[in-house]
Protein backbone atom coordinates (compact mmCIF):
# COMPACT_ATOMS: atom_id res chain seq x y z
CA MET A 1 27.44 1.00 -95.04
CA VAL A 2 24.32 2.73 -94.53
CA MET A 3 24.38 6.33 -95.37
CA ARG A 4 22.84 8.56 -92.87
CA THR A 5 20.25 10.99 -94.03
CA GLU A 6 20.86 14.79 -93.80
CA LYS A 7 18.00 14.94 -91.41
CA GLU A 8 19.75 12.50 -88.99
CA LEU A 9 22.96 14.40 -89.29
CA ARG A 10 21.28 17.47 -88.32
CA GLN A 11 19.69 16.01 -85.34
CA ARG A 12 22.97 14.53 -83.99
CA ALA A 13 25.07 17.72 -84.73
CA PRO A 14 24.37 19.40 -81.34
CA LEU A 15 25.33 16.15 -79.41
CA TRP A 16 28.53 15.93 -81.33
CA LEU A 17 29.14 19.50 -80.83
CA GLY A 18 28.54 19.24 -77.04
CA CYS A 19 31.07 16.12 -76.97
CA LEU A 20 33.60 18.20 -78.78
CA LEU A 21 33.31 21.03 -76.40
CA ILE A 22 33.53 18.85 -73.26
CA ILE A 23 36.61 17.08 -74.74
CA ASN A 24 38.20 20.43 -75.54
CA PHE A 25 37.34 21.64 -71.99
CA ILE A 26 39.08 18.62 -70.44
CA LEU A 27 42.12 19.17 -72.75
CA MET A 28 42.33 22.77 -71.53
CA SER A 29 41.72 21.94 -67.94
CA ILE A 30 44.52 19.49 -67.91
CA ASP A 31 46.83 21.91 -69.23
CA ALA A 32 45.56 24.88 -67.40
CA ARG A 33 47.37 26.09 -64.10
CA ASP A 34 46.45 28.23 -61.33
CA ALA A 35 48.03 31.82 -61.39
CA ALA A 36 48.85 31.95 -57.71
CA THR A 37 49.95 28.34 -57.01
CA LYS A 38 51.00 27.21 -60.44
CA GLN A 39 48.93 23.79 -59.80
CA ARG A 40 47.09 22.37 -62.51
CA MET A 41 43.47 23.31 -62.41
CA ILE A 42 42.07 19.81 -62.57
CA ARG A 43 44.07 18.81 -59.45
CA VAL A 44 42.43 21.76 -57.63
CA TRP A 45 39.04 20.87 -58.81
CA ALA A 46 39.52 17.12 -57.93
CA GLN A 47 40.67 18.02 -54.33
CA THR A 48 37.71 20.37 -53.94
CA ILE A 49 35.29 17.70 -54.87
CA ALA A 50 36.94 14.91 -52.89
CA SER A 51 37.65 17.00 -49.69
CA PRO A 52 34.23 16.57 -48.06
CA PHE A 53 34.58 12.68 -48.46
CA GLN A 54 38.21 12.77 -47.12
CA ARG A 55 37.05 14.76 -44.02
CA LEU A 56 34.31 12.14 -43.30
CA LEU A 57 36.66 9.26 -43.79
CA SER A 58 39.38 11.08 -41.59
CA GLY A 59 36.78 11.65 -38.78
CA VAL A 60 35.68 8.14 -38.75
CA SER A 61 39.17 6.86 -38.79
CA GLY A 62 40.18 9.29 -36.13
CA THR A 63 37.25 8.25 -33.86
CA GLY A 64 38.23 4.62 -34.43
CA VAL A 65 41.89 5.25 -33.54
CA GLY A 66 40.92 7.43 -30.56
CA THR A 67 38.60 4.69 -29.11
CA PHE A 68 41.40 2.05 -29.41
CA GLU A 69 43.94 4.42 -27.65
CA TYR A 70 41.24 5.08 -24.94
CA LEU A 71 40.66 1.50 -24.37
CA ALA A 72 44.51 0.67 -24.38
CA ASN A 73 45.05 3.59 -21.98
CA LEU A 74 42.17 2.35 -19.82
CA ARG A 75 43.69 -1.28 -19.61
CA LEU A 76 47.15 0.30 -18.74
CA ALA A 77 45.60 2.28 -15.99
CA ALA A 78 43.84 -0.68 -14.56
CA ALA A 79 47.18 -2.55 -14.61
CA GLU A 80 48.87 0.29 -12.82
CA ASN A 81 46.12 0.61 -10.37
CA THR A 82 46.49 -2.95 -9.50
CA GLY A 83 50.14 -2.63 -9.06
CA LEU A 84 49.80 0.29 -6.81
CA LYS A 85 47.22 -1.59 -4.72
CA GLN A 86 49.83 -4.45 -4.40
CA GLN A 87 52.42 -2.14 -3.48
CA VAL A 88 50.29 -0.44 -0.87
CA ALA A 89 49.55 -3.79 0.64
CA THR A 90 53.12 -4.77 0.69
CA MET A 91 54.11 -1.39 2.34
CA GLN A 92 51.28 -1.95 4.99
CA THR A 93 52.54 -5.40 5.70
CA GLU A 94 56.11 -4.30 6.08
CA LEU A 95 55.03 -1.32 8.31
CA HIS A 96 53.06 -3.67 10.51
CA GLU A 97 56.00 -6.06 10.70
CA ALA A 98 58.29 -3.19 11.51
CA ARG A 99 55.97 -2.09 14.33
CA ALA A 100 55.64 -5.40 15.82
CA ALA A 101 59.36 -5.85 15.75
CA ARG A 102 59.84 -2.56 17.31
CA ASP A 103 57.25 -3.44 20.18
CA GLU A 104 58.90 -6.87 20.63
CA ASN A 105 62.37 -5.09 20.99
CA GLU A 106 61.06 -2.79 23.48
CA ARG A 107 59.58 -5.80 25.52
CA LEU A 108 62.97 -7.71 25.23
CA LYS A 109 64.87 -4.52 26.45
CA GLY A 110 62.39 -4.51 29.43
CA LEU A 111 63.27 -8.02 30.15
CA LEU A 112 66.96 -7.40 29.88
CA GLY A 113 66.64 -4.54 32.31
CA LEU A 114 64.65 -6.61 34.73
CA LYS A 115 67.54 -9.05 34.48
CA GLU A 116 70.09 -6.14 35.44
CA GLU A 117 67.92 -5.03 38.26
CA LYS A 118 67.59 -8.33 40.02
CA ARG A 119 70.23 -10.72 41.61
CA TYR A 120 69.27 -13.91 39.59
CA GLU A 121 69.35 -14.98 35.98
CA THR A 122 66.28 -14.94 33.85
CA ILE A 123 65.28 -17.02 30.79
CA PRO A 124 63.51 -15.20 28.13
CA ALA A 125 60.57 -16.94 26.71
CA ARG A 126 57.69 -16.49 24.38
CA VAL A 127 54.05 -17.43 24.91
CA ILE A 128 53.09 -19.89 22.33
CA GLY A 129 49.66 -21.05 23.50
CA ARG A 130 46.95 -20.69 26.13
CA ASP A 131 44.82 -23.26 27.91
CA PRO A 132 41.49 -23.49 26.12
CA THR A 133 39.43 -24.28 29.17
CA ALA A 134 37.90 -21.60 31.54
CA TRP A 135 38.75 -23.65 34.69
CA PHE A 136 42.46 -23.35 34.53
CA LYS A 137 44.21 -20.13 33.62
CA ALA A 138 47.55 -20.95 32.14
CA VAL A 139 49.93 -20.26 29.19
CA ILE A 140 52.55 -22.42 27.34
CA LEU A 141 55.99 -21.07 26.91
CA ASN A 142 58.53 -22.10 24.19
CA ARG A 143 61.25 -22.87 26.87
CA GLY A 144 61.68 -26.05 28.90
CA ARG A 145 64.19 -28.07 30.95
CA ARG A 146 66.76 -27.69 28.18
CA ALA A 147 66.71 -24.02 28.54
CA GLY A 148 67.04 -24.48 32.40
CA VAL A 149 63.25 -24.02 33.42
CA GLU A 150 62.22 -26.00 36.39
CA LEU A 151 59.05 -26.48 38.41
CA ASP A 152 57.78 -23.57 40.68
CA MET A 153 59.99 -20.99 38.96
CA PRO A 154 58.29 -17.56 38.90
CA VAL A 155 57.54 -16.04 35.65
CA VAL A 156 57.32 -12.23 35.38
CA THR A 157 57.24 -9.32 32.86
CA ARG A 158 58.75 -5.91 33.22
CA ASP A 159 55.25 -4.84 34.77
CA GLY A 160 54.78 -7.52 37.44
CA ILE A 161 54.39 -11.21 38.24
CA VAL A 162 52.51 -13.38 35.80
CA GLY A 163 52.52 -16.96 37.68
CA ARG A 164 54.57 -19.96 38.14
CA VAL A 165 55.83 -22.96 36.29
CA VAL A 166 53.49 -26.05 37.04
CA ALA A 167 54.66 -28.44 34.28
CA VAL A 168 57.82 -28.62 32.31
CA GLY A 169 58.96 -30.62 29.35
CA PRO A 170 62.16 -30.64 27.47
CA TRP A 171 61.21 -27.65 25.25
CA THR A 172 58.01 -26.19 26.74
CA ALA A 173 56.55 -25.34 30.00
CA GLN A 174 53.22 -24.55 31.51
CA VAL A 175 52.67 -21.67 33.54
CA MET A 176 49.70 -21.26 36.04
CA LEU A 177 48.60 -17.45 35.93
CA ILE A 178 48.46 -15.62 39.17
CA THR A 179 44.57 -14.94 38.48
CA ASP A 180 43.93 -18.71 38.77
CA ASP A 181 41.98 -19.41 41.99
CA ARG A 182 44.62 -22.14 42.91
CA SER A 183 47.38 -19.62 42.58
CA ALA A 184 48.67 -17.50 45.68
CA ALA A 185 51.52 -15.28 46.71
CA GLY A 186 52.57 -13.51 49.74
CA ALA A 187 52.06 -9.79 49.26
CA VAL A 188 52.20 -6.49 51.16
CA VAL A 189 50.47 -3.14 50.51
CA GLY A 190 53.33 -0.59 50.08
CA GLN A 191 56.98 -1.27 50.35
CA LEU A 192 58.09 -4.25 52.30
CA SER A 193 60.59 -2.51 54.34
CA SER A 194 58.14 0.19 55.72
CA SER A 195 54.68 -1.45 55.57
CA GLY A 196 52.83 -3.73 57.99
CA ALA A 197 49.89 -4.47 55.68
CA LEU A 198 50.93 -7.99 55.10
CA GLY A 199 48.69 -10.69 53.59
CA SER A 200 48.43 -12.91 50.63
CA VAL A 201 46.85 -12.61 47.24
CA LYS A 202 44.98 -15.25 45.20
CA GLY A 203 43.12 -15.63 41.89
CA ASN A 204 39.43 -15.31 41.50
CA SER A 205 37.60 -17.54 39.07
CA GLN A 206 34.84 -14.95 38.77
CA SER A 207 37.10 -12.20 37.49
CA ASN A 208 40.52 -11.12 36.45
CA LEU A 209 41.23 -9.47 39.72
CA LEU A 210 43.25 -10.67 42.77
CA GLU A 211 41.86 -11.03 46.22
CA MET A 212 44.04 -9.95 49.07
CA SER A 213 43.28 -11.36 52.49
CA TYR A 214 44.62 -11.32 56.13
CA VAL A 215 45.41 -7.66 56.09
CA SER A 216 44.77 -6.15 59.50
CA THR A 217 42.18 -3.36 59.74
CA LEU A 218 44.69 -1.61 61.90
CA GLU A 219 46.90 -0.91 58.74
CA PRO A 220 45.57 1.66 56.36
CA VAL A 221 44.87 0.66 52.77
CA ASN A 222 43.47 2.88 49.99
CA GLN A 223 42.58 2.57 46.54
CA GLY A 224 45.46 3.17 44.27
CA ASP A 225 48.02 1.75 46.66
CA TYR A 226 50.49 -0.74 45.02
CA VAL A 227 50.99 -4.27 46.18
CA PHE A 228 54.34 -6.13 46.11
CA THR A 229 55.63 -9.67 46.77
CA THR A 230 57.01 -10.47 50.29
CA GLY A 231 58.73 -13.76 49.59
CA GLN A 232 56.69 -15.63 52.16
CA ASP A 233 55.33 -18.03 49.76
CA ARG A 234 59.05 -19.24 48.81
CA ILE A 235 57.85 -18.96 45.13
CA TYR A 236 58.19 -15.41 44.26
CA PRO A 237 61.27 -13.34 45.33
CA PRO A 238 60.24 -10.14 47.51
CA GLY A 239 59.82 -6.77 45.94
CA LEU A 240 58.12 -7.72 42.66
CA ALA A 241 55.14 -5.84 41.66
CA VAL A 242 51.73 -7.64 42.02
CA GLY A 243 49.07 -4.99 41.13
CA GLU A 244 47.25 -1.89 42.26
CA VAL A 245 44.37 -1.83 44.74
CA VAL A 246 41.17 -0.99 43.02
CA LYS A 247 38.71 -1.64 45.80
CA VAL A 248 38.98 -1.89 49.72
CA THR A 249 36.12 -3.09 52.03
CA THR A 250 37.24 -2.37 55.71
CA GLY A 251 36.33 -5.20 58.06
CA GLY A 252 35.40 -4.99 61.64
CA ALA A 253 37.61 -4.87 64.85
CA THR A 254 38.16 -8.62 64.63
CA ALA A 255 38.06 -8.94 60.69
CA SER A 256 40.58 -7.95 58.05
CA HIS A 257 40.35 -5.83 54.97
CA GLU A 258 38.88 -7.38 51.80
CA ILE A 259 40.83 -6.00 49.04
CA GLN A 260 40.61 -6.39 45.29
CA VAL A 261 43.84 -5.97 43.26
CA LYS A 262 44.18 -5.32 39.47
CA PRO A 263 47.44 -7.36 38.33
CA SER A 264 50.16 -5.10 37.00
CA ALA A 265 51.20 -7.42 34.19
CA ARG A 266 48.87 -7.45 31.20
CA LEU A 267 47.94 -11.12 31.56
CA GLU A 268 45.32 -10.92 28.49
CA SER A 269 48.06 -9.96 26.05
CA LEU A 270 51.14 -11.81 27.03
CA ASN A 271 53.84 -12.14 24.46
CA GLU A 272 57.38 -12.28 26.06
CA VAL A 273 58.02 -13.18 29.54
CA ALA A 274 61.01 -13.88 31.78
CA VAL A 275 61.35 -17.15 33.76
CA LEU A 276 63.34 -16.18 36.88
CA GLN A 277 66.01 -18.80 37.94
CA TYR A 278 65.18 -18.24 41.64
CA HIS A 279 65.39 -20.93 44.16
CA GLN A 280 63.71 -21.03 47.46
CA PRO A 281 65.78 -19.35 50.07
CA GLN A 282 66.30 -20.88 53.43
CA ARG A 283 64.03 -19.91 56.20
CA ASP A 284 66.53 -17.73 58.11
CA ASP A 285 67.32 -15.72 54.98
CA LEU A 286 63.55 -15.14 54.36
CA ASN A 287 62.90 -13.90 57.91
CA GLU A 288 65.71 -11.37 57.52
CA ALA A 289 63.55 -9.83 54.67
CA LEU A 290 60.28 -9.59 56.66
CA PRO A 291 59.61 -6.67 58.96
CA ASN A 292 58.50 -7.01 62.63
CA ILE A 293 60.62 -10.25 63.00
CA ASP A 294 63.08 -10.51 66.07
CA LYS A 295 66.30 -10.48 64.31
CA ARG A 296 68.42 -10.93 67.55
CA LYS A 297 70.96 -13.72 67.32
CA LYS A 298 70.34 -16.54 69.51
């Protein structure tokens, strides 16, 4: 073993002294306790030194957790929003269907009321199609011969006449609208029992109005007057609403009024209609319904 010189020992003496002091300090710190909390001082110092790093790590981890929670909540809110939109759409559809059912119920009640008011049976029907051409104003009904529909039976709504059956199959029927220029009906301005303004109405291919002809200029006719059927055509029973006078052109002494009539029935939006099981009356019965007819028995 190499013997250290006295000089080397003197040089290293301060280092050894310092090491001994540090070891002594550590030993004293391990056993030393805080007077207030009774905790070991070394633990207090360790917590003091580590606290800045703990705060940093806690902040970083808290931010990460908060970000993930935000994303999760955002996804949950998006899912709930989609669900709410679907519920609103479903509720709107149900509301629309309920309103449509209510309107249909009101129309059907009107048709039932029409049956009670008249002396003939009615066949409720639904419009399932329209003629695509502009030359023939017609609609298709979902009732045919099997339901009792026959040719030339009148078709009406609660508001007024619609037209007459011109073709019939086992399950469907075709109806020529009153506005078709080949359609016509006997009509009177005002009530049949009290008015002499008799004439006939026919369709107009240029518009959705009716033209009323053969009304004498001796009979007063005004805008806003109502027109009803007379039964002269042997298609429509007397007393059904035809429409309202919207224009009157007074003719000369030997001419007749030129009258335009707006149909009472809303032909552009037909849904439910009634086919009247009305059969052409005998001529004597028809004459009894007309004014100014000699009713003396022969």
